[in-house]
N, C-alpha and C. Protein backbone atom coordinates (compact mmCIF):
# COMPACT_ATOMS: atom_id res chain seq x y z
N UNK A 1 19.58 16.20 10.68
CA UNK A 1 18.20 16.27 11.14
C UNK A 1 17.74 14.89 11.62
N UNK A 2 17.32 14.77 12.88
CA UNK A 2 16.89 13.49 13.42
C UNK A 2 15.55 13.08 12.82
N UNK A 3 15.39 11.78 12.57
CA UNK A 3 14.15 11.27 12.02
C UNK A 3 13.11 11.16 13.13
N UNK A 4 11.92 11.72 12.90
CA UNK A 4 10.87 11.66 13.91
C UNK A 4 10.35 10.24 14.05
N UNK A 5 10.05 9.85 15.29
CA UNK A 5 9.41 8.56 15.52
C UNK A 5 7.94 8.66 15.14
N UNK A 6 7.46 7.70 14.35
CA UNK A 6 6.08 7.71 13.87
C UNK A 6 5.46 6.35 14.14
N UNK A 7 4.25 6.35 14.68
CA UNK A 7 3.47 5.13 14.86
C UNK A 7 2.05 5.41 14.39
N UNK A 8 1.88 5.42 13.08
CA UNK A 8 0.59 5.72 12.46
C UNK A 8 -0.05 4.40 12.06
N UNK A 9 -1.20 4.10 12.62
CA UNK A 9 -1.80 2.78 12.45
C UNK A 9 -3.17 2.87 11.79
N UNK A 10 -3.27 2.38 10.57
CA UNK A 10 -4.55 2.12 9.94
C UNK A 10 -5.45 3.31 9.69
N UNK A 11 -4.92 4.41 9.13
CA UNK A 11 -5.79 5.54 8.78
C UNK A 11 -6.38 5.32 7.38
N UNK A 12 -7.53 5.92 7.13
CA UNK A 12 -8.19 5.81 5.84
C UNK A 12 -7.29 6.35 4.73
N UNK A 13 -7.26 5.67 3.59
CA UNK A 13 -6.37 6.07 2.50
C UNK A 13 -7.01 5.83 1.14
N UNK A 14 -6.53 6.60 0.17
CA UNK A 14 -6.88 6.43 -1.25
C UNK A 14 -5.57 6.38 -2.02
N UNK A 15 -5.48 5.51 -3.01
CA UNK A 15 -4.26 5.36 -3.81
C UNK A 15 -4.51 5.86 -5.22
N UNK A 16 -3.60 6.70 -5.72
CA UNK A 16 -3.66 7.21 -7.10
C UNK A 16 -2.39 6.79 -7.83
N UNK A 17 -2.53 6.42 -9.10
CA UNK A 17 -1.36 6.03 -9.89
C UNK A 17 -1.66 6.23 -11.36
N UNK A 18 -0.60 6.22 -12.17
CA UNK A 18 -0.73 6.33 -13.62
C UNK A 18 -0.42 4.97 -14.25
N UNK A 19 -1.31 4.55 -15.15
CA UNK A 19 -1.08 3.27 -15.83
C UNK A 19 -1.55 3.40 -17.28
N UNK A 20 -0.65 3.10 -18.20
CA UNK A 20 -0.92 3.19 -19.64
C UNK A 20 -1.49 4.55 -20.02
N UNK A 21 -0.90 5.60 -19.44
CA UNK A 21 -1.26 6.96 -19.81
C UNK A 21 -2.52 7.50 -19.17
N UNK A 22 -3.13 6.75 -18.26
CA UNK A 22 -4.37 7.18 -17.62
C UNK A 22 -4.19 7.24 -16.10
N UNK A 23 -4.84 8.23 -15.48
CA UNK A 23 -4.83 8.33 -14.02
C UNK A 23 -5.87 7.38 -13.45
N UNK A 24 -5.47 6.57 -12.49
CA UNK A 24 -6.37 5.59 -11.90
C UNK A 24 -6.34 5.71 -10.38
N UNK A 25 -7.43 5.26 -9.76
CA UNK A 25 -7.56 5.33 -8.30
C UNK A 25 -7.99 3.97 -7.76
N UNK A 26 -7.43 3.62 -6.62
CA UNK A 26 -7.91 2.48 -5.85
C UNK A 26 -8.61 3.07 -4.63
N UNK A 27 -9.94 3.05 -4.68
CA UNK A 27 -10.74 3.74 -3.67
C UNK A 27 -11.67 2.78 -2.94
N UNK A 28 -12.40 1.98 -3.74
CA UNK A 28 -13.45 1.14 -3.18
C UNK A 28 -12.97 -0.30 -3.01
N UNK A 29 -12.72 -0.71 -1.78
CA UNK A 29 -12.35 -2.11 -1.55
C UNK A 29 -13.60 -2.98 -1.54
N UNK A 30 -13.49 -4.18 -1.05
CA UNK A 30 -14.62 -5.11 -0.98
C UNK A 30 -14.65 -5.73 0.41
N UNK A 31 -15.63 -5.37 1.26
CA UNK A 31 -16.80 -4.54 0.97
C UNK A 31 -16.47 -3.05 0.96
N UNK A 32 -17.32 -2.26 0.29
CA UNK A 32 -17.04 -0.85 0.09
C UNK A 32 -17.10 -0.04 1.39
N UNK A 33 -17.82 -0.54 2.40
CA UNK A 33 -17.96 0.24 3.64
C UNK A 33 -16.77 0.07 4.58
N UNK A 34 -15.79 -0.73 4.19
CA UNK A 34 -14.56 -0.90 4.97
C UNK A 34 -13.43 -0.22 4.20
N UNK A 35 -12.83 0.84 4.72
CA UNK A 35 -11.86 1.61 3.93
C UNK A 35 -10.51 0.93 3.77
N UNK A 36 -9.78 1.37 2.77
CA UNK A 36 -8.36 1.03 2.65
C UNK A 36 -7.63 1.71 3.80
N UNK A 37 -6.67 1.01 4.40
CA UNK A 37 -5.97 1.53 5.56
C UNK A 37 -4.47 1.67 5.28
N UNK A 38 -3.90 2.79 5.73
CA UNK A 38 -2.47 3.05 5.57
C UNK A 38 -1.81 3.11 6.93
N UNK A 39 -0.67 2.43 7.06
CA UNK A 39 0.11 2.47 8.30
C UNK A 39 1.54 2.86 7.99
N UNK A 40 2.12 3.64 8.87
CA UNK A 40 3.52 4.05 8.74
C UNK A 40 4.18 3.99 10.11
N UNK A 41 5.25 3.24 10.19
CA UNK A 41 6.04 3.19 11.42
C UNK A 41 7.47 3.59 11.09
N UNK A 42 7.98 4.54 11.84
CA UNK A 42 9.37 4.98 11.70
C UNK A 42 9.98 5.04 13.09
N UNK A 43 11.11 4.38 13.25
CA UNK A 43 11.80 4.38 14.53
C UNK A 43 13.30 4.26 14.28
N UNK A 44 14.05 5.23 14.78
CA UNK A 44 15.50 5.28 14.56
C UNK A 44 15.76 5.26 13.05
N UNK A 45 16.45 4.25 12.55
CA UNK A 45 16.79 4.19 11.12
C UNK A 45 15.96 3.15 10.39
N UNK A 46 14.78 2.80 10.93
CA UNK A 46 13.94 1.78 10.31
C UNK A 46 12.55 2.33 10.01
N UNK A 47 11.92 1.77 8.97
CA UNK A 47 10.59 2.23 8.59
C UNK A 47 9.78 1.10 7.96
N UNK A 48 8.46 1.22 8.07
CA UNK A 48 7.53 0.28 7.45
C UNK A 48 6.39 1.06 6.84
N UNK A 49 6.18 0.92 5.53
CA UNK A 49 5.05 1.50 4.83
C UNK A 49 4.13 0.34 4.45
N UNK A 50 2.87 0.41 4.86
CA UNK A 50 1.97 -0.71 4.61
C UNK A 50 0.55 -0.22 4.36
N UNK A 51 -0.14 -0.87 3.42
CA UNK A 51 -1.55 -0.58 3.16
C UNK A 51 -2.35 -1.87 3.19
N UNK A 52 -3.47 -1.83 3.87
CA UNK A 52 -4.35 -2.99 3.97
C UNK A 52 -5.55 -2.80 3.06
N UNK A 53 -5.77 -3.76 2.17
CA UNK A 53 -6.85 -3.69 1.19
C UNK A 53 -7.89 -4.76 1.50
N UNK A 54 -9.11 -4.38 1.89
CA UNK A 54 -10.17 -5.38 2.07
C UNK A 54 -10.53 -6.03 0.74
N UNK A 55 -10.65 -7.34 0.72
CA UNK A 55 -10.93 -8.09 -0.51
C UNK A 55 -11.58 -9.41 -0.14
N UNK A 56 -12.33 -9.99 -1.07
CA UNK A 56 -12.96 -11.29 -0.86
C UNK A 56 -12.31 -12.31 -1.78
N UNK A 57 -11.75 -13.35 -1.19
CA UNK A 57 -11.11 -14.41 -1.96
C UNK A 57 -12.11 -15.52 -2.28
N UNK A 58 -12.05 -16.02 -3.50
CA UNK A 58 -12.92 -17.13 -3.89
C UNK A 58 -12.55 -18.40 -3.14
N UNK A 59 -11.26 -18.59 -2.93
CA UNK A 59 -10.76 -19.82 -2.32
C UNK A 59 -11.15 -19.96 -0.85
N UNK A 60 -11.05 -18.85 -0.10
CA UNK A 60 -11.36 -18.88 1.33
C UNK A 60 -12.10 -17.61 1.69
N UNK A 61 -13.41 -17.71 1.84
CA UNK A 61 -14.21 -16.51 2.09
C UNK A 61 -13.94 -15.91 3.47
N UNK A 62 -13.31 -16.68 4.36
CA UNK A 62 -13.00 -16.15 5.68
C UNK A 62 -11.83 -15.18 5.66
N UNK A 63 -11.00 -15.26 4.62
CA UNK A 63 -9.87 -14.34 4.46
C UNK A 63 -10.36 -13.07 3.79
N UNK A 64 -10.04 -11.91 4.37
CA UNK A 64 -10.67 -10.68 3.92
C UNK A 64 -9.71 -9.54 3.65
N UNK A 65 -8.41 -9.79 3.61
CA UNK A 65 -7.47 -8.69 3.40
C UNK A 65 -6.31 -9.10 2.51
N UNK A 66 -5.73 -8.09 1.90
CA UNK A 66 -4.48 -8.20 1.15
C UNK A 66 -3.67 -6.96 1.51
N UNK A 67 -2.37 -7.10 1.62
CA UNK A 67 -1.52 -5.97 2.00
C UNK A 67 -0.60 -5.55 0.88
N UNK A 68 -0.37 -4.24 0.79
CA UNK A 68 0.67 -3.68 -0.07
C UNK A 68 1.80 -3.26 0.86
N UNK A 69 2.98 -3.80 0.62
CA UNK A 69 4.13 -3.53 1.47
C UNK A 69 5.19 -2.82 0.63
N UNK A 70 5.66 -1.67 1.11
CA UNK A 70 6.67 -0.89 0.39
C UNK A 70 7.91 -0.76 1.26
N UNK A 71 9.00 -1.33 0.81
CA UNK A 71 10.26 -1.22 1.54
C UNK A 71 10.81 0.19 1.43
N UNK A 72 11.31 0.78 2.51
CA UNK A 72 11.91 2.11 2.41
C UNK A 72 13.11 2.13 1.48
N UNK A 73 13.75 0.98 1.28
CA UNK A 73 14.90 0.91 0.37
C UNK A 73 14.48 1.10 -1.08
N UNK A 74 13.21 0.83 -1.39
CA UNK A 74 12.73 0.96 -2.77
C UNK A 74 12.20 2.36 -3.07
N UNK A 75 12.09 3.22 -2.05
CA UNK A 75 11.57 4.57 -2.24
C UNK A 75 12.73 5.52 -2.50
N UNK A 76 12.76 6.11 -3.68
CA UNK A 76 13.84 7.04 -4.02
C UNK A 76 13.47 8.48 -3.68
N UNK A 77 12.17 8.76 -3.57
CA UNK A 77 11.72 10.12 -3.26
C UNK A 77 10.36 10.06 -2.59
N UNK A 78 10.18 10.88 -1.56
CA UNK A 78 8.89 11.00 -0.88
C UNK A 78 8.58 12.48 -0.73
N UNK A 79 7.61 12.96 -1.50
CA UNK A 79 7.16 14.34 -1.41
C UNK A 79 5.79 14.36 -0.75
N UNK A 80 5.45 15.50 -0.14
CA UNK A 80 4.16 15.60 0.53
C UNK A 80 3.55 16.97 0.30
N UNK A 81 2.23 17.00 0.29
CA UNK A 81 1.50 18.26 0.15
C UNK A 81 0.14 18.11 0.82
N UNK A 82 -0.37 19.22 1.34
CA UNK A 82 -1.70 19.23 1.95
C UNK A 82 -2.56 20.22 1.19
N UNK A 83 -3.73 19.76 0.76
CA UNK A 83 -4.57 20.61 -0.08
C UNK A 83 -6.03 20.25 0.07
N UNK A 84 -6.90 21.22 -0.18
CA UNK A 84 -8.34 20.96 -0.26
C UNK A 84 -8.77 20.81 -1.71
N UNK A 85 -7.86 21.08 -2.65
CA UNK A 85 -8.15 20.94 -4.08
C UNK A 85 -7.79 19.53 -4.51
N UNK A 86 -8.67 18.60 -4.17
CA UNK A 86 -8.39 17.18 -4.39
C UNK A 86 -9.07 16.66 -5.65
N UNK A 87 -8.57 15.58 -6.21
CA UNK A 87 -9.27 14.95 -7.33
C UNK A 87 -10.70 14.58 -6.93
N UNK A 88 -11.62 14.65 -7.89
CA UNK A 88 -13.02 14.35 -7.60
C UNK A 88 -13.21 12.96 -7.00
N UNK A 89 -12.37 12.03 -7.42
CA UNK A 89 -12.51 10.66 -6.92
C UNK A 89 -12.14 10.54 -5.45
N UNK A 90 -11.31 11.45 -4.96
CA UNK A 90 -10.82 11.37 -3.58
C UNK A 90 -11.75 12.08 -2.60
N UNK A 91 -12.39 13.17 -3.03
CA UNK A 91 -13.16 14.04 -2.14
C UNK A 91 -14.23 13.32 -1.31
N UNK A 92 -14.99 12.37 -1.87
CA UNK A 92 -16.01 11.71 -1.04
C UNK A 92 -15.42 10.92 0.12
N UNK A 93 -14.18 10.50 0.00
CA UNK A 93 -13.53 9.72 1.05
C UNK A 93 -12.78 10.63 2.02
N UNK A 94 -12.05 11.61 1.47
CA UNK A 94 -11.23 12.52 2.28
C UNK A 94 -11.45 13.95 1.77
N UNK A 95 -12.30 14.75 2.42
CA UNK A 95 -12.55 16.12 1.97
C UNK A 95 -11.30 16.98 1.96
N UNK A 96 -10.41 16.79 2.92
CA UNK A 96 -9.08 17.40 2.92
C UNK A 96 -8.08 16.30 3.22
N UNK A 97 -6.89 16.41 2.65
CA UNK A 97 -5.96 15.30 2.79
C UNK A 97 -4.52 15.75 2.61
N UNK A 98 -3.62 14.94 3.15
CA UNK A 98 -2.21 15.03 2.84
C UNK A 98 -1.91 14.01 1.76
N UNK A 99 -1.21 14.45 0.73
CA UNK A 99 -0.83 13.56 -0.37
C UNK A 99 0.64 13.18 -0.23
N UNK A 100 0.90 11.89 -0.14
CA UNK A 100 2.27 11.38 -0.13
C UNK A 100 2.59 10.87 -1.53
N UNK A 101 3.55 11.48 -2.19
CA UNK A 101 3.93 11.06 -3.54
C UNK A 101 5.24 10.29 -3.47
N UNK A 102 5.18 9.03 -3.86
CA UNK A 102 6.33 8.15 -3.77
C UNK A 102 6.88 7.82 -5.14
N UNK A 103 8.18 8.00 -5.31
CA UNK A 103 8.90 7.50 -6.48
C UNK A 103 9.60 6.21 -6.06
N UNK A 104 9.41 5.16 -6.85
CA UNK A 104 9.92 3.85 -6.47
C UNK A 104 10.98 3.35 -7.43
N UNK A 105 11.97 2.66 -6.88
CA UNK A 105 13.01 2.06 -7.70
C UNK A 105 12.64 0.65 -8.15
N UNK A 106 11.72 0.01 -7.41
CA UNK A 106 11.25 -1.32 -7.79
C UNK A 106 9.81 -1.49 -7.35
N UNK A 107 9.18 -2.53 -7.81
CA UNK A 107 7.75 -2.70 -7.60
C UNK A 107 7.42 -2.96 -6.13
N UNK A 108 6.17 -2.71 -5.80
CA UNK A 108 5.67 -2.97 -4.46
C UNK A 108 5.60 -4.48 -4.21
N UNK A 109 5.54 -4.85 -2.94
CA UNK A 109 5.32 -6.24 -2.56
C UNK A 109 3.86 -6.40 -2.15
N UNK A 110 3.24 -7.48 -2.61
CA UNK A 110 1.85 -7.78 -2.27
C UNK A 110 1.83 -9.00 -1.36
N UNK A 111 1.09 -8.91 -0.26
CA UNK A 111 1.02 -10.01 0.70
C UNK A 111 -0.36 -10.63 0.69
N UNK A 112 -0.42 -11.95 0.62
CA UNK A 112 -1.68 -12.67 0.73
C UNK A 112 -1.52 -13.75 1.80
N UNK A 113 -2.61 -14.15 2.46
CA UNK A 113 -2.51 -15.25 3.43
C UNK A 113 -1.92 -16.49 2.77
N UNK A 114 -1.09 -17.20 3.49
CA UNK A 114 -0.36 -18.32 2.90
C UNK A 114 -1.25 -19.48 2.49
N UNK A 115 -2.46 -19.55 3.05
CA UNK A 115 -3.34 -20.67 2.70
C UNK A 115 -4.19 -20.40 1.45
N UNK A 116 -4.07 -19.21 0.85
CA UNK A 116 -4.80 -18.92 -0.37
C UNK A 116 -4.12 -19.61 -1.55
N UNK A 117 -4.89 -20.35 -2.33
CA UNK A 117 -4.34 -21.08 -3.46
C UNK A 117 -3.99 -20.14 -4.60
N UNK A 118 -3.07 -20.58 -5.45
CA UNK A 118 -2.70 -19.83 -6.64
C UNK A 118 -3.20 -20.53 -7.89
N UNK A 119 -3.61 -19.75 -8.90
CA UNK A 119 -3.63 -18.28 -8.92
C UNK A 119 -4.73 -17.73 -8.02
N UNK A 120 -4.45 -16.57 -7.44
CA UNK A 120 -5.42 -15.93 -6.55
C UNK A 120 -6.66 -15.54 -7.35
N UNK A 121 -7.83 -15.91 -6.83
CA UNK A 121 -9.09 -15.63 -7.53
C UNK A 121 -10.03 -14.85 -6.61
N UNK A 122 -10.81 -13.94 -7.21
CA UNK A 122 -11.74 -13.11 -6.46
C UNK A 122 -13.09 -13.81 -6.32
N UNK A 123 -13.78 -13.52 -5.21
CA UNK A 123 -15.08 -14.13 -4.96
C UNK A 123 -16.19 -13.43 -5.72
N UNK A 124 -15.99 -12.17 -6.08
CA UNK A 124 -17.04 -11.42 -6.77
C UNK A 124 -16.41 -10.28 -7.57
N UNK A 125 -17.20 -9.65 -8.47
CA UNK A 125 -16.63 -8.66 -9.40
C UNK A 125 -15.88 -7.51 -8.72
N UNK A 126 -16.39 -7.00 -7.59
CA UNK A 126 -15.71 -5.89 -6.92
C UNK A 126 -14.28 -6.28 -6.54
N UNK A 127 -14.11 -7.48 -6.02
CA UNK A 127 -12.77 -7.95 -5.66
C UNK A 127 -11.93 -8.21 -6.90
N UNK A 128 -12.58 -8.62 -7.99
CA UNK A 128 -11.86 -8.80 -9.25
C UNK A 128 -11.25 -7.50 -9.74
N UNK A 129 -11.97 -6.39 -9.57
CA UNK A 129 -11.44 -5.09 -9.96
C UNK A 129 -10.25 -4.69 -9.09
N UNK A 130 -10.30 -5.10 -7.82
CA UNK A 130 -9.17 -4.82 -6.93
C UNK A 130 -7.93 -5.57 -7.39
N UNK A 131 -8.09 -6.84 -7.78
CA UNK A 131 -6.96 -7.61 -8.30
C UNK A 131 -6.39 -6.96 -9.55
N UNK A 132 -7.28 -6.44 -10.42
CA UNK A 132 -6.80 -5.74 -11.62
C UNK A 132 -5.97 -4.51 -11.23
N UNK A 133 -6.46 -3.76 -10.24
CA UNK A 133 -5.73 -2.57 -9.79
C UNK A 133 -4.38 -2.93 -9.19
N UNK A 134 -4.33 -4.02 -8.43
CA UNK A 134 -3.07 -4.44 -7.84
C UNK A 134 -2.08 -4.91 -8.90
N UNK A 135 -2.59 -5.55 -9.94
CA UNK A 135 -1.72 -5.91 -11.07
C UNK A 135 -1.09 -4.66 -11.66
N UNK A 136 -1.92 -3.62 -11.88
CA UNK A 136 -1.41 -2.37 -12.44
C UNK A 136 -0.42 -1.71 -11.48
N UNK A 137 -0.76 -1.68 -10.20
CA UNK A 137 0.13 -1.05 -9.21
C UNK A 137 1.48 -1.74 -9.14
N UNK A 138 1.51 -3.04 -9.42
CA UNK A 138 2.77 -3.77 -9.34
C UNK A 138 3.71 -3.42 -10.48
N UNK A 139 3.25 -2.58 -11.42
CA UNK A 139 4.08 -2.21 -12.56
C UNK A 139 4.30 -0.71 -12.67
N UNK A 140 4.03 0.04 -11.60
CA UNK A 140 4.25 1.48 -11.63
C UNK A 140 5.41 1.84 -10.70
N UNK A 141 6.01 2.98 -10.96
CA UNK A 141 7.11 3.46 -10.12
C UNK A 141 6.80 4.83 -9.51
N UNK A 142 5.55 5.26 -9.62
CA UNK A 142 5.12 6.52 -9.04
C UNK A 142 3.70 6.34 -8.54
N UNK A 143 3.47 6.57 -7.27
CA UNK A 143 2.10 6.50 -6.76
C UNK A 143 1.88 7.55 -5.70
N UNK A 144 0.63 7.92 -5.53
CA UNK A 144 0.24 8.91 -4.52
C UNK A 144 -0.70 8.25 -3.53
N UNK A 145 -0.46 8.51 -2.27
CA UNK A 145 -1.30 7.98 -1.20
C UNK A 145 -1.92 9.16 -0.46
N UNK A 146 -3.24 9.24 -0.47
CA UNK A 146 -3.95 10.31 0.23
C UNK A 146 -4.38 9.79 1.61
N UNK A 147 -4.06 10.56 2.65
CA UNK A 147 -4.42 10.21 4.02
C UNK A 147 -5.00 11.45 4.70
N UNK A 148 -5.69 11.32 5.83
CA UNK A 148 -6.22 12.51 6.51
C UNK A 148 -5.12 13.52 6.81
N UNK A 149 -5.43 14.80 6.65
CA UNK A 149 -4.37 15.81 6.79
C UNK A 149 -3.93 16.03 8.23
N UNK A 150 -4.62 15.38 9.17
CA UNK A 150 -4.20 15.46 10.57
C UNK A 150 -3.39 14.22 11.00
N UNK A 151 -3.17 13.29 10.09
CA UNK A 151 -2.53 12.02 10.45
C UNK A 151 -1.06 12.19 10.82
N UNK A 152 -0.36 13.08 10.11
CA UNK A 152 1.07 13.28 10.34
C UNK A 152 1.36 14.77 10.46
N UNK A 153 2.25 15.12 11.37
CA UNK A 153 2.64 16.52 11.52
C UNK A 153 3.61 16.92 10.41
N UNK A 154 3.77 18.23 10.23
CA UNK A 154 4.71 18.72 9.22
C UNK A 154 6.13 18.26 9.54
N UNK A 155 6.48 18.25 10.81
CA UNK A 155 7.82 17.80 11.20
C UNK A 155 8.02 16.32 10.86
N UNK A 156 7.01 15.50 11.11
CA UNK A 156 7.11 14.08 10.77
C UNK A 156 7.24 13.88 9.27
N UNK A 157 6.47 14.63 8.50
CA UNK A 157 6.53 14.52 7.05
C UNK A 157 7.90 14.95 6.53
N UNK A 158 8.38 16.09 7.02
CA UNK A 158 9.68 16.60 6.54
C UNK A 158 10.83 15.67 6.92
N UNK A 159 10.83 15.18 8.14
CA UNK A 159 11.94 14.33 8.57
C UNK A 159 11.95 13.00 7.83
N UNK A 160 10.77 12.45 7.54
CA UNK A 160 10.70 11.19 6.79
C UNK A 160 11.14 11.40 5.35
N UNK A 161 10.72 12.50 4.74
CA UNK A 161 11.14 12.81 3.37
C UNK A 161 12.66 12.96 3.29
N UNK A 162 13.23 13.66 4.26
CA UNK A 162 14.69 13.85 4.28
C UNK A 162 15.41 12.53 4.48
N UNK A 163 14.91 11.70 5.37
CA UNK A 163 15.54 10.40 5.62
C UNK A 163 15.50 9.52 4.38
N UNK A 164 14.41 9.59 3.64
CA UNK A 164 14.32 8.83 2.38
C UNK A 164 15.33 9.36 1.38
N UNK A 165 15.38 10.67 1.23
CA UNK A 165 16.30 11.28 0.26
C UNK A 165 17.76 10.97 0.58
N UNK A 166 18.08 10.87 1.85
CA UNK A 166 19.46 10.61 2.28
C UNK A 166 19.74 9.12 2.48
N UNK A 167 18.78 8.28 2.11
CA UNK A 167 18.94 6.81 2.19
C UNK A 167 19.28 6.36 3.61
N UNK A 168 18.58 6.92 4.58
CA UNK A 168 18.85 6.62 5.99
C UNK A 168 17.95 5.53 6.56
N UNK A 169 16.90 5.13 5.85
CA UNK A 169 15.93 4.20 6.40
C UNK A 169 16.08 2.80 5.85
N UNK A 170 15.98 1.83 6.72
CA UNK A 170 16.04 0.41 6.39
C UNK A 170 14.73 -0.26 6.82
N UNK A 171 14.41 -1.42 6.27
CA UNK A 171 13.25 -2.17 6.78
C UNK A 171 13.51 -2.65 8.20
N UNK A 172 12.46 -2.81 8.98
CA UNK A 172 12.60 -3.42 10.30
C UNK A 172 13.01 -4.88 10.14
N UNK A 173 13.83 -5.37 11.04
CA UNK A 173 14.28 -6.76 10.96
C UNK A 173 13.86 -7.59 12.17
N UNK A 174 13.16 -6.98 13.13
CA UNK A 174 12.77 -7.71 14.33
C UNK A 174 11.51 -8.53 14.08
N UNK A 175 11.22 -9.45 14.99
CA UNK A 175 10.09 -10.37 14.84
C UNK A 175 8.76 -9.64 14.78
N UNK A 176 8.62 -8.56 15.55
CA UNK A 176 7.35 -7.83 15.59
C UNK A 176 6.98 -7.22 14.25
N UNK A 177 7.97 -7.00 13.37
CA UNK A 177 7.71 -6.40 12.07
C UNK A 177 7.92 -7.39 10.93
N UNK A 178 7.98 -8.68 11.24
CA UNK A 178 8.13 -9.72 10.22
C UNK A 178 6.89 -9.72 9.34
N UNK A 179 7.06 -9.46 8.04
CA UNK A 179 5.90 -9.36 7.16
C UNK A 179 5.13 -10.67 7.07
N UNK A 180 5.76 -11.79 7.36
CA UNK A 180 5.05 -13.06 7.31
C UNK A 180 4.05 -13.21 8.44
N UNK A 181 4.11 -12.30 9.46
CA UNK A 181 3.20 -12.38 10.59
C UNK A 181 2.07 -11.36 10.50
N UNK A 182 2.00 -10.61 9.42
CA UNK A 182 1.04 -9.53 9.36
C UNK A 182 -0.41 -9.98 9.43
N UNK A 183 -0.68 -11.23 9.08
CA UNK A 183 -2.05 -11.72 9.11
C UNK A 183 -2.32 -12.56 10.36
N UNK A 184 -1.50 -12.40 11.41
CA UNK A 184 -1.59 -13.07 12.69
C UNK A 184 -0.92 -14.43 12.64
N UNK A 185 -0.65 -14.98 13.80
CA UNK A 185 0.03 -16.26 13.88
C UNK A 185 -0.82 -17.36 13.26
N UNK A 186 -2.14 -17.27 13.43
CA UNK A 186 -3.03 -18.31 12.90
C UNK A 186 -3.11 -18.27 11.39
N UNK A 187 -2.92 -17.09 10.80
CA UNK A 187 -3.03 -16.95 9.34
C UNK A 187 -1.83 -16.18 8.81
N UNK A 188 -0.66 -16.81 8.75
CA UNK A 188 0.53 -16.11 8.27
C UNK A 188 0.41 -15.71 6.82
N UNK A 189 1.25 -14.78 6.40
CA UNK A 189 1.21 -14.28 5.02
C UNK A 189 2.49 -14.65 4.30
N UNK A 190 2.44 -14.60 2.98
CA UNK A 190 3.64 -14.79 2.18
C UNK A 190 3.79 -13.59 1.26
N UNK A 191 5.00 -13.09 1.05
CA UNK A 191 5.20 -12.00 0.10
C UNK A 191 5.13 -12.54 -1.31
N UNK A 192 4.47 -11.79 -2.21
CA UNK A 192 4.31 -12.23 -3.59
C UNK A 192 4.51 -11.05 -4.52
N UNK A 193 4.77 -11.34 -5.79
CA UNK A 193 4.88 -10.31 -6.82
C UNK A 193 4.11 -10.75 -8.05
N UNK A 194 3.51 -9.79 -8.73
CA UNK A 194 2.81 -10.11 -9.97
C UNK A 194 3.81 -10.13 -11.13
N UNK A 195 3.74 -11.14 -11.95
CA UNK A 195 4.57 -11.19 -13.15
C UNK A 195 3.98 -10.29 -14.23
N UNK A 196 4.82 -9.68 -15.08
CA UNK A 196 4.29 -8.91 -16.20
C UNK A 196 3.54 -9.84 -17.15
N UNK A 197 2.33 -9.45 -17.51
CA UNK A 197 1.52 -10.24 -18.42
C UNK A 197 0.90 -9.33 -19.47
N UNK A 198 0.45 -9.89 -20.60
CA UNK A 198 -0.27 -9.08 -21.58
C UNK A 198 -1.49 -8.44 -20.94
N UNK A 199 -1.86 -7.28 -21.41
CA UNK A 199 -3.02 -6.56 -20.88
C UNK A 199 -4.27 -7.43 -20.98
N UNK A 200 -5.15 -7.28 -19.98
CA UNK A 200 -6.42 -7.99 -19.88
C UNK A 200 -6.26 -9.46 -19.51
N UNK A 201 -5.07 -9.84 -19.08
CA UNK A 201 -4.87 -11.21 -18.61
C UNK A 201 -4.79 -11.19 -17.09
N UNK A 202 -5.51 -12.11 -16.44
CA UNK A 202 -5.48 -12.16 -14.98
C UNK A 202 -4.06 -12.49 -14.51
N UNK A 203 -3.45 -11.66 -13.67
CA UNK A 203 -2.06 -11.90 -13.27
C UNK A 203 -1.92 -13.05 -12.30
N UNK A 204 -1.02 -13.99 -12.54
CA UNK A 204 -0.72 -14.99 -11.53
C UNK A 204 0.14 -14.38 -10.45
N UNK A 205 0.28 -15.06 -9.34
CA UNK A 205 1.11 -14.57 -8.26
C UNK A 205 2.09 -15.66 -7.88
N UNK A 206 3.35 -15.30 -7.71
CA UNK A 206 4.36 -16.30 -7.41
C UNK A 206 5.07 -15.99 -6.11
N UNK A 207 5.55 -17.00 -5.45
CA UNK A 207 6.33 -16.82 -4.23
C UNK A 207 7.66 -16.20 -4.55
N UNK A 208 8.21 -15.41 -3.62
CA UNK A 208 9.54 -14.84 -3.78
C UNK A 208 10.40 -15.24 -2.60
């Protein structure tokens, strides 16, 4: 089965995950009127899964985003479903949605602009809650991403799921998909990972 070409750019998304036995959602970024965005690019045997999270940094108020980057090599399973019976937390954002359920072999990658000092600090409480959620997300191996149910066709969903199951997809290696360029040439990004820390401790971020 040939993998469908997909160029899905910046659709509204909600993230659901389980942490310490509780279901949690990443819904409200900072500012709240700017949605979380999900992008998916699939071409030939390459894929890019990316989510853009609006956030306010204490260090540089001009920087306003953080990215979640998921390598196709780290995804062991991708299931999908379309339903109107959504969690209450999701309905105000997406009345109907396609749910992408990802099983991961390793943690997600978090991207911040390279000029942001470490440890990364939030400018206000809403952004602080986002950092807490990203810390939790960096330690889960199962997450659900809700996107508009018209964003991807059934054929695109099925072919991508099959390609993941058969280990056919690799990360893009060309310059246009270099993760260090995701924040533009003027504001390059660096890939980072959160270290495991005791609960209720602000996670530091280290270069990889």
